[in-house]
Amino acid sequence: MAKIDEIKAHIDWLKELFKILVAMLVADIAGISKLYLDQNINIIFYSGVLLIIVLSLSASITSKKIEKHIKELGDL
């Protein structure tokens, strides 16, 4: 039973991390959109675009880890 609780706790932690990543992604997209609409294309704009890529990859990796742990729960 301890293994199940450990996996559930890890899944919960990953879900919280995923929520934070998605919230940061939404905020970054809003900021980039605002800069684009104001035609204020500068280093902050390009660093925001890079951050979107990094956050998207991080969210994708986190999602895959959650899936893996859920399948692991099914095997127990």
C-alpha atoms as a PDB file:
ATOM      1  CA  MET A   1       0.000   0.000   0.000  1.00  0.00           C
ATOM      2  CA  ALA A   2       2.923   2.355   0.632  1.00  0.00           C
ATOM      3  CA  LYS A   3       3.979   2.202  -3.021  1.00  0.00           C
ATOM      4  CA  ILE A   4       0.504   3.322  -4.140  1.00  0.00           C
ATOM      5  CA  ASP A   5       0.554   6.254  -1.723  1.00  0.00           C
ATOM      6  CA  GLU A   6       4.014   7.250  -2.914  1.00  0.00           C
ATOM      7  CA  ILE A   7       2.930   7.217  -6.562  1.00  0.00           C
ATOM      8  CA  LYS A   8      -0.252   9.172  -5.766  1.00  0.00           C
ATOM      9  CA  ALA A   9       1.760  11.805  -3.908  1.00  0.00           C
ATOM     10  CA  HIS A  10       4.150  12.120  -6.849  1.00  0.00           C
ATOM     11  CA  ILE A  11       1.239  12.462  -9.277  1.00  0.00           C
ATOM     12  CA  ASP A  12      -0.305  15.175  -7.099  1.00  0.00           C
ATOM     13  CA  TRP A  13       2.995  17.068  -7.030  1.00  0.00           C
ATOM     14  CA  LEU A  14       3.337  16.784 -10.815  1.00  0.00           C
ATOM     15  CA  LYS A  15      -0.246  18.002 -11.283  1.00  0.00           C
ATOM     16  CA  GLU A  16       0.496  21.111  -9.216  1.00  0.00           C
ATOM     17  CA  LEU A  17       3.650  21.722 -11.244  1.00  0.00           C
ATOM     18  CA  PHE A  18       1.644  21.324 -14.452  1.00  0.00           C
ATOM     19  CA  LYS A  19      -0.923  23.892 -13.257  1.00  0.00           C
ATOM     20  CA  ILE A  20       1.849  26.385 -12.508  1.00  0.00           C
ATOM     21  CA  LEU A  21       3.465  25.825 -15.912  1.00  0.00           C
ATOM     22  CA  VAL A  22       0.156  26.335 -17.732  1.00  0.00           C
ATOM     23  CA  ALA A  23      -0.587  29.511 -15.749  1.00  0.00           C
ATOM     24  CA  MET A  24       2.853  30.893 -16.591  1.00  0.00           C
ATOM     25  CA  LEU A  25       2.347  29.951 -20.242  1.00  0.00           C
ATOM     26  CA  VAL A  26      -0.997  31.765 -20.414  1.00  0.00           C
ATOM     27  CA  ALA A  27       0.459  34.868 -18.755  1.00  0.00           C
ATOM     28  CA  ASP A  28       3.445  34.848 -21.107  1.00  0.00           C
ATOM     29  CA  ILE A  29       1.214  34.526 -24.171  1.00  0.00           C
ATOM     30  CA  ALA A  30      -0.870  37.452 -22.947  1.00  0.00           C
ATOM     31  CA  GLY A  31       2.252  39.551 -22.440  1.00  0.00           C
ATOM     32  CA  ILE A  32       3.653  38.664 -25.848  1.00  0.00           C
ATOM     33  CA  SER A  33       0.308  39.452 -27.468  1.00  0.00           C
ATOM     34  CA  LYS A  34       0.211  42.848 -25.763  1.00  0.00           C
ATOM     35  CA  LEU A  35       3.749  43.661 -26.917  1.00  0.00           C
ATOM     36  CA  TYR A  36       2.889  42.578 -30.462  1.00  0.00           C
ATOM     37  CA  LEU A  37      -0.311  44.626 -30.588  1.00  0.00           C
ATOM     38  CA  ASP A  38       1.555  47.676 -29.274  1.00  0.00           C
ATOM     39  CA  GLN A  39       4.211  47.045 -31.954  1.00  0.00           C
ATOM     40  CA  ASN A  40       6.830  46.992 -29.223  1.00  0.00           C
ATOM     41  CA  ILE A  41       9.035  44.267 -30.673  1.00  0.00           C
ATOM     42  CA  ASN A  42      12.262  44.233 -28.657  1.00  0.00           C
ATOM     43  CA  ILE A  43      14.415  41.862 -26.644  1.00  0.00           C
ATOM     44  CA  ILE A  44      11.622  41.296 -24.112  1.00  0.00           C
ATOM     45  CA  PHE A  45       9.327  40.127 -26.915  1.00  0.00           C
ATOM     46  CA  TYR A  46      11.871  37.644 -28.234  1.00  0.00           C
ATOM     47  CA  SER A  47      12.756  36.377 -24.772  1.00  0.00           C
ATOM     48  CA  GLY A  48       9.026  35.855 -24.165  1.00  0.00           C
ATOM     49  CA  VAL A  49       8.772  33.820 -27.369  1.00  0.00           C
ATOM     50  CA  LEU A  50      11.700  31.706 -26.190  1.00  0.00           C
ATOM     51  CA  LEU A  51      10.022  31.298 -22.807  1.00  0.00           C
ATOM     52  CA  ILE A  52       6.846  30.063 -24.525  1.00  0.00           C
ATOM     53  CA  ILE A  53       8.866  27.320 -26.190  1.00  0.00           C
ATOM     54  CA  VAL A  54      10.564  26.331 -22.930  1.00  0.00           C
ATOM     55  CA  LEU A  55       7.308  26.326 -20.957  1.00  0.00           C
ATOM     56  CA  SER A  56       5.525  24.313 -23.642  1.00  0.00           C
ATOM     57  CA  LEU A  57       8.243  21.667 -23.624  1.00  0.00           C
ATOM     58  CA  SER A  58       8.249  21.570 -19.827  1.00  0.00           C
ATOM     59  CA  ALA A  59       4.470  21.163 -19.698  1.00  0.00           C
ATOM     60  CA  SER A  60       4.643  18.399 -22.293  1.00  0.00           C
ATOM     61  CA  ILE A  61       7.332  16.511 -20.371  1.00  0.00           C
ATOM     62  CA  THR A  62       5.384  16.905 -17.125  1.00  0.00           C
ATOM     63  CA  SER A  63       2.251  15.582 -18.805  1.00  0.00           C
ATOM     64  CA  LYS A  64       4.123  12.524 -20.063  1.00  0.00           C
ATOM     65  CA  LYS A  65       5.464  11.855 -16.555  1.00  0.00           C
ATOM     66  CA  ILE A  66       1.933  12.072 -15.132  1.00  0.00           C
ATOM     67  CA  GLU A  67       0.719   9.573 -17.742  1.00  0.00           C
ATOM     68  CA  LYS A  68       3.579   7.217 -16.912  1.00  0.00           C
ATOM     69  CA  HIS A  69       2.783   7.282 -13.206  1.00  0.00           C
ATOM     70  CA  ILE A  70      -0.941   6.772 -13.826  1.00  0.00           C
ATOM     71  CA  LYS A  71      -0.153   3.681 -15.925  1.00  0.00           C
ATOM     72  CA  GLU A  72       2.175   2.531 -13.155  1.00  0.00           C
ATOM     73  CA  LEU A  73      -0.732   2.854 -10.698  1.00  0.00           C
ATOM     74  CA  GLY A  74      -2.867   0.711 -12.983  1.00  0.00           C
ATOM     75  CA  ASP A  75      -0.239  -2.032 -12.920  1.00  0.00           C
ATOM     76  CA  LEU A  76      -0.342  -2.210  -9.118  1.00  0.00           C
END
